[in-house]
Amino acid sequence: MNDNLILIVSNALTGIATFLVSRRQKQTELENSILDNLSKSIGVYQTIIQDLKEEIHQLNLKVVKLEEKVTKLMDENKKLRSQSNK
C-alpha cells in the first residue's frame, strides 16, 4: 500500500514538474518568436526608409534643377520684356 502511495505521489509530482517546465519553455519560445518577428519587421522598415531617403534625395535634385530652369526662364522673360518695351 505504501509503495502504491509513493508511486502515485511521485508520478503526480513528476507530472506537475513536467507541466511547469514545458509551460515555461513554450512561453520562452513564444517570446523568442515575437522578438524574431520584430527584428524582421525592423529590417523591412529600415529598407523602406533607406529607399525613401534615396527617393527624396532624387526628388530634391529635380527640384533644384527645376528652380534653376525657372530662374533662367524668368531672366529670359525679363530680357524679352525689356526689349519689347524699347
PDB file of N, CA and C in Angstrom:
ATOM      1  N   MET A   1       0.813  -1.192   0.000  1.00  0.00           N
ATOM      2  CA  MET A   1       0.000   0.000   0.000  1.00  0.00           C
ATOM      3  C   MET A   1       0.860   1.261   0.000  1.00  0.00           C
ATOM      4  N   ASN A   2       1.891   1.269   0.862  1.00  0.00           N
ATOM      5  CA  ASN A   2       2.787   2.422   0.912  1.00  0.00           C
ATOM      6  C   ASN A   2       3.512   2.610  -0.409  1.00  0.00           C
ATOM      7  N   ASP A   3       3.883   1.489  -1.035  1.00  0.00           N
ATOM      8  CA  ASP A   3       4.576   1.573  -2.305  1.00  0.00           C
ATOM      9  C   ASP A   3       3.676   2.216  -3.368  1.00  0.00           C
ATOM     10  N   ASN A   4       2.414   1.844  -3.375  1.00  0.00           N
ATOM     11  CA  ASN A   4       1.473   2.423  -4.331  1.00  0.00           C
ATOM     12  C   ASN A   4       1.271   3.919  -4.084  1.00  0.00           C
ATOM     13  N   LEU A   5       1.185   4.298  -2.832  1.00  0.00           N
ATOM     14  CA  LEU A   5       1.017   5.703  -2.475  1.00  0.00           C
ATOM     15  C   LEU A   5       2.239   6.516  -2.895  1.00  0.00           C
ATOM     16  N   ILE A   6       3.413   5.974  -2.649  1.00  0.00           N
ATOM     17  CA  ILE A   6       4.655   6.658  -3.043  1.00  0.00           C
ATOM     18  C   ILE A   6       4.717   6.775  -4.562  1.00  0.00           C
ATOM     19  N   LEU A   7       4.333   5.721  -5.262  1.00  0.00           N
ATOM     20  CA  LEU A   7       4.335   5.724  -6.711  1.00  0.00           C
ATOM     21  C   LEU A   7       3.350   6.767  -7.254  1.00  0.00           C
ATOM     22  N   ILE A   8       2.178   6.843  -6.693  1.00  0.00           N
ATOM     23  CA  ILE A   8       1.167   7.811  -7.136  1.00  0.00           C
ATOM     24  C   ILE A   8       1.638   9.242  -6.876  1.00  0.00           C
ATOM     25  N   VAL A   9       2.188   9.486  -5.698  1.00  0.00           N
ATOM     26  CA  VAL A   9       2.671  10.825  -5.348  1.00  0.00           C
ATOM     27  C   VAL A   9       3.836  11.218  -6.247  1.00  0.00           C
ATOM     28  N   SER A  10       4.785  10.301  -6.485  1.00  0.00           N
ATOM     29  CA  SER A  10       5.933  10.633  -7.332  1.00  0.00           C
ATOM     30  C   SER A  10       5.494  10.888  -8.771  1.00  0.00           C
ATOM     31  N   ASN A  11       4.545  10.117  -9.264  1.00  0.00           N
ATOM     32  CA  ASN A  11       4.022  10.339 -10.618  1.00  0.00           C
ATOM     33  C   ASN A  11       3.305  11.688 -10.714  1.00  0.00           C
ATOM     34  N   ALA A  12       2.554  12.030  -9.700  1.00  0.00           N
ATOM     35  CA  ALA A  12       1.842  13.312  -9.693  1.00  0.00           C
ATOM     36  C   ALA A  12       2.847  14.467  -9.662  1.00  0.00           C
ATOM     37  N   LEU A  13       3.868  14.354  -8.816  1.00  0.00           N
ATOM     38  CA  LEU A  13       4.884  15.404  -8.746  1.00  0.00           C
ATOM     39  C   LEU A  13       5.655  15.521 -10.057  1.00  0.00           C
ATOM     40  N   THR A  14       5.969  14.394 -10.673  1.00  0.00           N
ATOM     41  CA  THR A  14       6.665  14.407 -11.961  1.00  0.00           C
ATOM     42  C   THR A  14       5.798  15.070 -13.026  1.00  0.00           C
ATOM     43  N   GLY A  15       4.517  14.760 -13.028  1.00  0.00           N
ATOM     44  CA  GLY A  15       3.593  15.362 -13.990  1.00  0.00           C
ATOM     45  C   GLY A  15       3.490  16.869 -13.801  1.00  0.00           C
ATOM     46  N   ILE A  16       3.382  17.303 -12.571  1.00  0.00           N
ATOM     47  CA  ILE A  16       3.294  18.739 -12.289  1.00  0.00           C
ATOM     48  C   ILE A  16       4.582  19.442 -12.696  1.00  0.00           C
ATOM     49  N   ALA A  17       5.717  18.851 -12.343  1.00  0.00           N
ATOM     50  CA  ALA A  17       7.002  19.457 -12.698  1.00  0.00           C
ATOM     51  C   ALA A  17       7.162  19.541 -14.208  1.00  0.00           C
ATOM     52  N   THR A  18       6.777  18.486 -14.917  1.00  0.00           N
ATOM     53  CA  THR A  18       6.864  18.476 -16.372  1.00  0.00           C
ATOM     54  C   THR A  18       5.961  19.549 -16.970  1.00  0.00           C
ATOM     55  N   PHE A  19       4.766  19.674 -16.428  1.00  0.00           N
ATOM     56  CA  PHE A  19       3.831  20.692 -16.911  1.00  0.00           C
ATOM     57  C   PHE A  19       4.414  22.096 -16.731  1.00  0.00           C
ATOM     58  N   LEU A  20       4.959  22.359 -15.562  1.00  0.00           N
ATOM     59  CA  LEU A  20       5.505  23.693 -15.282  1.00  0.00           C
ATOM     60  C   LEU A  20       6.708  24.009 -16.174  1.00  0.00           C
ATOM     61  N   VAL A  21       7.589  23.030 -16.351  1.00  0.00           N
ATOM     62  CA  VAL A  21       8.774  23.244 -17.179  1.00  0.00           C
ATOM     63  C   VAL A  21       8.371  23.444 -18.639  1.00  0.00           C
ATOM     64  N   SER A  22       7.455  22.635 -19.129  1.00  0.00           N
ATOM     65  CA  SER A  22       7.048  22.773 -20.536  1.00  0.00           C
ATOM     66  C   SER A  22       6.299  24.081 -20.760  1.00  0.00           C
ATOM     67  N   ARG A  23       5.525  24.513 -19.772  1.00  0.00           N
ATOM     68  CA  ARG A  23       4.822  25.785 -19.904  1.00  0.00           C
ATOM     69  C   ARG A  23       5.814  26.946 -19.983  1.00  0.00           C
ATOM     70  N   ARG A  24       6.824  26.907 -19.159  1.00  0.00           N
ATOM     71  CA  ARG A  24       7.845  27.960 -19.183  1.00  0.00           C
ATOM     72  C   ARG A  24       8.611  27.926 -20.510  1.00  0.00           C
ATOM     73  N   GLN A  25       8.910  26.718 -20.996  1.00  0.00           N
ATOM     74  CA  GLN A  25       9.633  26.578 -22.263  1.00  0.00           C
ATOM     75  C   GLN A  25       8.795  27.119 -23.423  1.00  0.00           C
ATOM     76  N   LYS A  26       7.508  26.822 -23.439  1.00  0.00           N
ATOM     77  CA  LYS A  26       6.647  27.331 -24.513  1.00  0.00           C
ATOM     78  C   LYS A  26       6.543  28.850 -24.453  1.00  0.00           C
ATOM     79  N   GLN A  27       6.490  29.401 -23.246  1.00  0.00           N
ATOM     80  CA  GLN A  27       6.442  30.856 -23.107  1.00  0.00           C
ATOM     81  C   GLN A  27       7.727  31.481 -23.632  1.00  0.00           C
ATOM     82  N   THR A  28       8.865  30.861 -23.328  1.00  0.00           N
ATOM     83  CA  THR A  28      10.152  31.356 -23.815  1.00  0.00           C
ATOM     84  C   THR A  28      10.219  31.272 -25.335  1.00  0.00           C
ATOM     85  N   GLU A  29       9.755  30.182 -25.906  1.00  0.00           N
ATOM     86  CA  GLU A  29       9.743  30.037 -27.358  1.00  0.00           C
ATOM     87  C   GLU A  29       8.839  31.087 -28.002  1.00  0.00           C
ATOM     88  N   LEU A  30       7.706  31.362 -27.384  1.00  0.00           N
ATOM     89  CA  LEU A  30       6.794  32.384 -27.896  1.00  0.00           C
ATOM     90  C   LEU A  30       7.457  33.757 -27.868  1.00  0.00           C
ATOM     91  N   GLU A  31       8.131  34.077 -26.776  1.00  0.00           N
ATOM     92  CA  GLU A  31       8.816  35.365 -26.663  1.00  0.00           C
ATOM     93  C   GLU A  31       9.939  35.465 -27.701  1.00  0.00           C
ATOM     94  N   ASN A  32      10.671  34.383 -27.907  1.00  0.00           N
ATOM     95  CA  ASN A  32      11.723  34.387 -28.929  1.00  0.00           C
ATOM     96  C   ASN A  32      11.137  34.588 -30.323  1.00  0.00           C
ATOM     97  N   SER A  33      10.012  33.960 -30.575  1.00  0.00           N
ATOM     98  CA  SER A  33       9.350  34.111 -31.870  1.00  0.00           C
ATOM     99  C   SER A  33       8.906  35.563 -32.077  1.00  0.00           C
ATOM    100  N   ILE A  34       8.370  36.158 -31.044  1.00  0.00           N
ATOM    101  CA  ILE A  34       7.950  37.561 -31.128  1.00  0.00           C
ATOM    102  C   ILE A  34       9.154  38.447 -31.404  1.00  0.00           C
ATOM    103  N   LEU A  35      10.257  38.210 -30.717  1.00  0.00           N
ATOM    104  CA  LEU A  35      11.469  39.009 -30.930  1.00  0.00           C
ATOM    105  C   LEU A  35      12.011  38.824 -32.348  1.00  0.00           C
ATOM    106  N   ASP A  36      11.982  37.610 -32.849  1.00  0.00           N
ATOM    107  CA  ASP A  36      12.432  37.362 -34.225  1.00  0.00           C
ATOM    108  C   ASP A  36      11.567  38.122 -35.225  1.00  0.00           C
ATOM    109  N   ASN A  37      10.261  38.077 -35.020  1.00  0.00           N
ATOM    110  CA  ASN A  37       9.346  38.788 -35.923  1.00  0.00           C
ATOM    111  C   ASN A  37       9.578  40.295 -35.861  1.00  0.00           C
ATOM    112  N   LEU A  38       9.809  40.811 -34.667  1.00  0.00           N
ATOM    113  CA  LEU A  38      10.093  42.243 -34.540  1.00  0.00           C
ATOM    114  C   LEU A  38      11.394  42.609 -35.242  1.00  0.00           C
ATOM    115  N   SER A  39      12.385  41.756 -35.106  1.00  0.00           N
ATOM    116  CA  SER A  39      13.673  42.000 -35.757  1.00  0.00           C
ATOM    117  C   SER A  39      13.510  42.016 -37.275  1.00  0.00           C
ATOM    118  N   LYS A  40      12.746  41.077 -37.803  1.00  0.00           N
ATOM    119  CA  LYS A  40      12.494  41.047 -39.246  1.00  0.00           C
ATOM    120  C   LYS A  40      11.725  42.289 -39.692  1.00  0.00           C
ATOM    121  N   SER A  41      10.745  42.693 -38.896  1.00  0.00           N
ATOM    122  CA  SER A  41       9.969  43.885 -39.232  1.00  0.00           C
ATOM    123  C   SER A  41      10.856  45.122 -39.245  1.00  0.00           C
ATOM    124  N   ILE A  42      11.735  45.223 -38.282  1.00  0.00           N
ATOM    125  CA  ILE A  42      12.649  46.367 -38.234  1.00  0.00           C
ATOM    126  C   ILE A  42      13.526  46.379 -39.476  1.00  0.00           C
ATOM    127  N   GLY A  43      13.996  45.217 -39.885  1.00  0.00           N
ATOM    128  CA  GLY A  43      14.816  45.128 -41.096  1.00  0.00           C
ATOM    129  C   GLY A  43      14.055  45.599 -42.327  1.00  0.00           C
ATOM    130  N   VAL A  44      12.802  45.204 -42.430  1.00  0.00           N
ATOM    131  CA  VAL A  44      11.972  45.617 -43.574  1.00  0.00           C
ATOM    132  C   VAL A  44      11.771  47.126 -43.546  1.00  0.00           C
ATOM    133  N   TYR A  45      11.451  47.663 -42.371  1.00  0.00           N
ATOM    134  CA  TYR A  45      11.237  49.108 -42.264  1.00  0.00           C
ATOM    135  C   TYR A  45      12.515  49.893 -42.544  1.00  0.00           C
ATOM    136  N   GLN A  46      13.654  49.365 -42.119  1.00  0.00           N
ATOM    137  CA  GLN A  46      14.916  50.050 -42.420  1.00  0.00           C
ATOM    138  C   GLN A  46      15.162  50.101 -43.925  1.00  0.00           C
ATOM    139  N   THR A  47      14.839  49.023 -44.618  1.00  0.00           N
ATOM    140  CA  THR A  47      14.984  49.000 -46.077  1.00  0.00           C
ATOM    141  C   THR A  47      14.051  50.020 -46.721  1.00  0.00           C
ATOM    142  N   ILE A  48      12.820  50.060 -46.257  1.00  0.00           N
ATOM    143  CA  ILE A  48      11.851  51.013 -46.795  1.00  0.00           C
ATOM    144  C   ILE A  48      12.329  52.441 -46.545  1.00  0.00           C
ATOM    145  N   ILE A  49      12.811  52.704 -45.343  1.00  0.00           N
ATOM    146  CA  ILE A  49      13.289  54.050 -45.008  1.00  0.00           C
ATOM    147  C   ILE A  49      14.467  54.432 -45.894  1.00  0.00           C
ATOM    148  N   GLN A  50      15.378  53.501 -46.102  1.00  0.00           N
ATOM    149  CA  GLN A  50      16.542  53.790 -46.948  1.00  0.00           C
ATOM    150  C   GLN A  50      16.100  54.094 -48.383  1.00  0.00           C
ATOM    151  N   ASP A  51      15.157  53.318 -48.892  1.00  0.00           N
ATOM    152  CA  ASP A  51      14.645  53.562 -50.240  1.00  0.00           C
ATOM    153  C   ASP A  51      13.973  54.934 -50.331  1.00  0.00           C
ATOM    154  N   LEU A  52      13.201  55.280 -49.308  1.00  0.00           N
ATOM    155  CA  LEU A  52      12.529  56.576 -49.308  1.00  0.00           C
ATOM    156  C   LEU A  52      13.527  57.724 -49.208  1.00  0.00           C
ATOM    157  N   LYS A  53      14.591  57.535 -48.445  1.00  0.00           N
ATOM    158  CA  LYS A  53      15.619  58.571 -48.363  1.00  0.00           C
ATOM    159  C   LYS A  53      16.247  58.817 -49.728  1.00  0.00           C
ATOM    160  N   GLU A  54      16.524  57.742 -50.445  1.00  0.00           N
ATOM    161  CA  GLU A  54      17.111  57.871 -51.780  1.00  0.00           C
ATOM    162  C   GLU A  54      16.140  58.568 -52.723  1.00  0.00           C
ATOM    163  N   GLU A  55      14.870  58.202 -52.635  1.00  0.00           N
ATOM    164  CA  GLU A  55      13.865  58.824 -53.493  1.00  0.00           C
ATOM    165  C   GLU A  55      13.736  60.318 -53.172  1.00  0.00           C
ATOM    166  N   ILE A  56      13.756  60.665 -51.909  1.00  0.00           N
ATOM    167  CA  ILE A  56      13.700  62.078 -51.508  1.00  0.00           C
ATOM    168  C   ILE A  56      14.909  62.828 -52.044  1.00  0.00           C
ATOM    169  N   HIS A  57      16.067  62.203 -51.965  1.00  0.00           N
ATOM    170  CA  HIS A  57      17.277  62.834 -52.485  1.00  0.00           C
ATOM    171  C   HIS A  57      17.145  63.115 -53.983  1.00  0.00           C
ATOM    172  N   GLN A  58      16.655  62.130 -54.729  1.00  0.00           N
ATOM    173  CA  GLN A  58      16.472  62.305 -56.172  1.00  0.00           C
ATOM    174  C   GLN A  58      15.445  63.407 -56.463  1.00  0.00           C
ATOM    175  N   LEU A  59      14.380  63.443 -55.689  1.00  0.00           N
ATOM    176  CA  LEU A  59      13.361  64.479 -55.888  1.00  0.00           C
ATOM    177  C   LEU A  59      13.913  65.868 -55.553  1.00  0.00           C
ATOM    178  N   ASN A  60      14.748  65.946 -54.533  1.00  0.00           N
ATOM    179  CA  ASN A  60      15.373  67.230 -54.197  1.00  0.00           C
ATOM    180  C   ASN A  60      16.283  67.708 -55.327  1.00  0.00           C
ATOM    181  N   LEU A  61      16.990  66.777 -55.946  1.00  0.00           N
ATOM    182  CA  LEU A  61      17.826  67.152 -57.087  1.00  0.00           C
ATOM    183  C   LEU A  61      16.978  67.679 -58.237  1.00  0.00           C
ATOM    184  N   LYS A  62      15.846  67.040 -58.480  1.00  0.00           N
ATOM    185  CA  LYS A  62      14.947  67.506 -59.540  1.00  0.00           C
ATOM    186  C   LYS A  62      14.404  68.897 -59.220  1.00  0.00           C
ATOM    187  N   VAL A  63      14.077  69.130 -57.956  1.00  0.00           N
ATOM    188  CA  VAL A  63      13.564  70.440 -57.550  1.00  0.00           C
ATOM    189  C   VAL A  63      14.614  71.514 -57.805  1.00  0.00           C
ATOM    190  N   VAL A  64      15.855  71.239 -57.474  1.00  0.00           N
ATOM    191  CA  VAL A  64      16.932  72.210 -57.701  1.00  0.00           C
ATOM    192  C   VAL A  64      17.064  72.512 -59.192  1.00  0.00           C
ATOM    193  N   LYS A  65      17.027  71.473 -60.012  1.00  0.00           N
ATOM    194  CA  LYS A  65      17.121  71.680 -61.462  1.00  0.00           C
ATOM    195  C   LYS A  65      15.952  72.513 -61.974  1.00  0.00           C
ATOM    196  N   LEU A  66      14.765  72.222 -61.490  1.00  0.00           N
ATOM    197  CA  LEU A  66      13.589  72.973 -61.926  1.00  0.00           C
ATOM    198  C   LEU A  66      13.661  74.428 -61.451  1.00  0.00           C
ATOM    199  N   GLU A  67      14.160  74.648 -60.263  1.00  0.00           N
ATOM    200  CA  GLU A  67      14.318  76.022 -59.778  1.00  0.00           C
ATOM    201  C   GLU A  67      15.306  76.790 -60.656  1.00  0.00           C
ATOM    202  N   GLU A  68      16.369  76.107 -61.063  1.00  0.00           N
ATOM    203  CA  GLU A  68      17.343  76.754 -61.950  1.00  0.00           C
ATOM    204  C   GLU A  68      16.700  77.101 -63.300  1.00  0.00           C
ATOM    205  N   LYS A  69      15.882  76.175 -63.815  1.00  0.00           N
ATOM    206  CA  LYS A  69      15.200  76.434 -65.085  1.00  0.00           C
ATOM    207  C   LYS A  69      14.234  77.612 -64.955  1.00  0.00           C
ATOM    208  N   VAL A  70      13.501  77.659 -63.854  1.00  0.00           N
ATOM    209  CA  VAL A  70      12.556  78.750 -63.632  1.00  0.00           C
ATOM    210  C   VAL A  70      13.297  80.077 -63.566  1.00  0.00           C
ATOM    211  N   THR A  71      14.399  80.104 -62.859  1.00  0.00           N
ATOM    212  CA  THR A  71      15.193  81.331 -62.760  1.00  0.00           C
ATOM    213  C   THR A  71      15.693  81.757 -64.136  1.00  0.00           C
ATOM    214  N   LYS A  72      16.166  80.804 -64.886  1.00  0.00           N
ATOM    215  CA  LYS A  72      16.661  81.095 -66.239  1.00  0.00           C
ATOM    216  C   LYS A  72      15.533  81.641 -67.117  1.00  0.00           C
ATOM    217  N   LEU A  73      14.365  81.008 -67.044  1.00  0.00           N
ATOM    218  CA  LEU A  73      13.228  81.469 -67.843  1.00  0.00           C
ATOM    219  C   LEU A  73      12.738  82.842 -67.391  1.00  0.00           C
ATOM    220  N   MET A  74      12.776  83.098 -66.107  1.00  0.00           N
ATOM    221  CA  MET A  74      12.369  84.419 -65.617  1.00  0.00           C
ATOM    222  C   MET A  74      13.334  85.498 -66.114  1.00  0.00           C
ATOM    223  N   ASP A  75      14.609  85.185 -66.089  1.00  0.00           N
ATOM    224  CA  ASP A  75      15.598  86.132 -66.609  1.00  0.00           C
ATOM    225  C   ASP A  75      15.368  86.387 -68.100  1.00  0.00           C
ATOM    226  N   GLU A  76      15.112  85.311 -68.820  1.00  0.00           N
ATOM    227  CA  GLU A  76      14.863  85.441 -70.254  1.00  0.00           C
ATOM    228  C   GLU A  76      13.596  86.250 -70.505  1.00  0.00           C
ATOM    229  N   ASN A  77      12.585  86.010 -69.695  1.00  0.00           N
ATOM    230  CA  ASN A  77      11.328  86.752 -69.818  1.00  0.00           C
ATOM    231  C   ASN A  77      11.559  88.244 -69.555  1.00  0.00           C
ATOM    232  N   LYS A  78      12.308  88.574 -68.537  1.00  0.00           N
ATOM    233  CA  LYS A  78      12.613  89.980 -68.235  1.00  0.00           C
ATOM    234  C   LYS A  78      13.366  90.634 -69.390  1.00  0.00           C
ATOM    235  N   LYS A  79      14.313  89.894 -69.928  1.00  0.00           N
ATOM    236  CA  LYS A  79      15.107  90.418 -71.040  1.00  0.00           C
ATOM    237  C   LYS A  79      14.212  90.681 -72.251  1.00  0.00           C
ATOM    238  N   LEU A  80      13.318  89.753 -72.554  1.00  0.00           N
ATOM    239  CA  LEU A  80      12.418  89.924 -73.696  1.00  0.00           C
ATOM    240  C   LEU A  80      11.441  91.069 -73.467  1.00  0.00           C
ATOM    241  N   ARG A  81      10.962  91.235 -72.265  1.00  0.00           N
ATOM    242  CA  ARG A  81      10.058  92.339 -71.951  1.00  0.00           C
ATOM    243  C   ARG A  81      10.763  93.687 -72.106  1.00  0.00           C
ATOM    244  N   SER A  82      11.985  93.726 -71.618  1.00  0.00           N
ATOM    245  CA  SER A  82      12.725  94.984 -71.735  1.00  0.00           C
ATOM    246  C   SER A  82      13.006  95.324 -73.203  1.00  0.00           C
ATOM    247  N   GLN A  83      13.227  94.296 -74.026  1.00  0.00           N
ATOM    248  CA  GLN A  83      13.466  94.527 -75.459  1.00  0.00           C
ATOM    249  C   GLN A  83      12.179  94.962 -76.150  1.00  0.00           C
ATOM    250  N   SER A  84      11.056  94.403 -75.741  1.00  0.00           N
ATOM    251  CA  SER A  84       9.793  94.744 -76.399  1.00  0.00           C
ATOM    252  C   SER A  84       9.312  96.142 -75.993  1.00  0.00           C
ATOM    253  N   ASN A  85       9.714  96.622 -74.842  1.00  0.00           N
ATOM    254  CA  ASN A  85       9.309  97.943 -74.370  1.00  0.00           C
ATOM    255  C   ASN A  85      10.108  99.066 -75.005  1.00  0.00           C
ATOM    256  N   LYS A  86      11.153  98.767 -75.665  1.00  0.00           N
ATOM    257  CA  LYS A  86      12.017  99.802 -76.265  1.00  0.00           C
ATOM    258  C   LYS A  86      11.478 100.343 -77.527  1.00  0.00           C
TER     259      LYS A  86
END
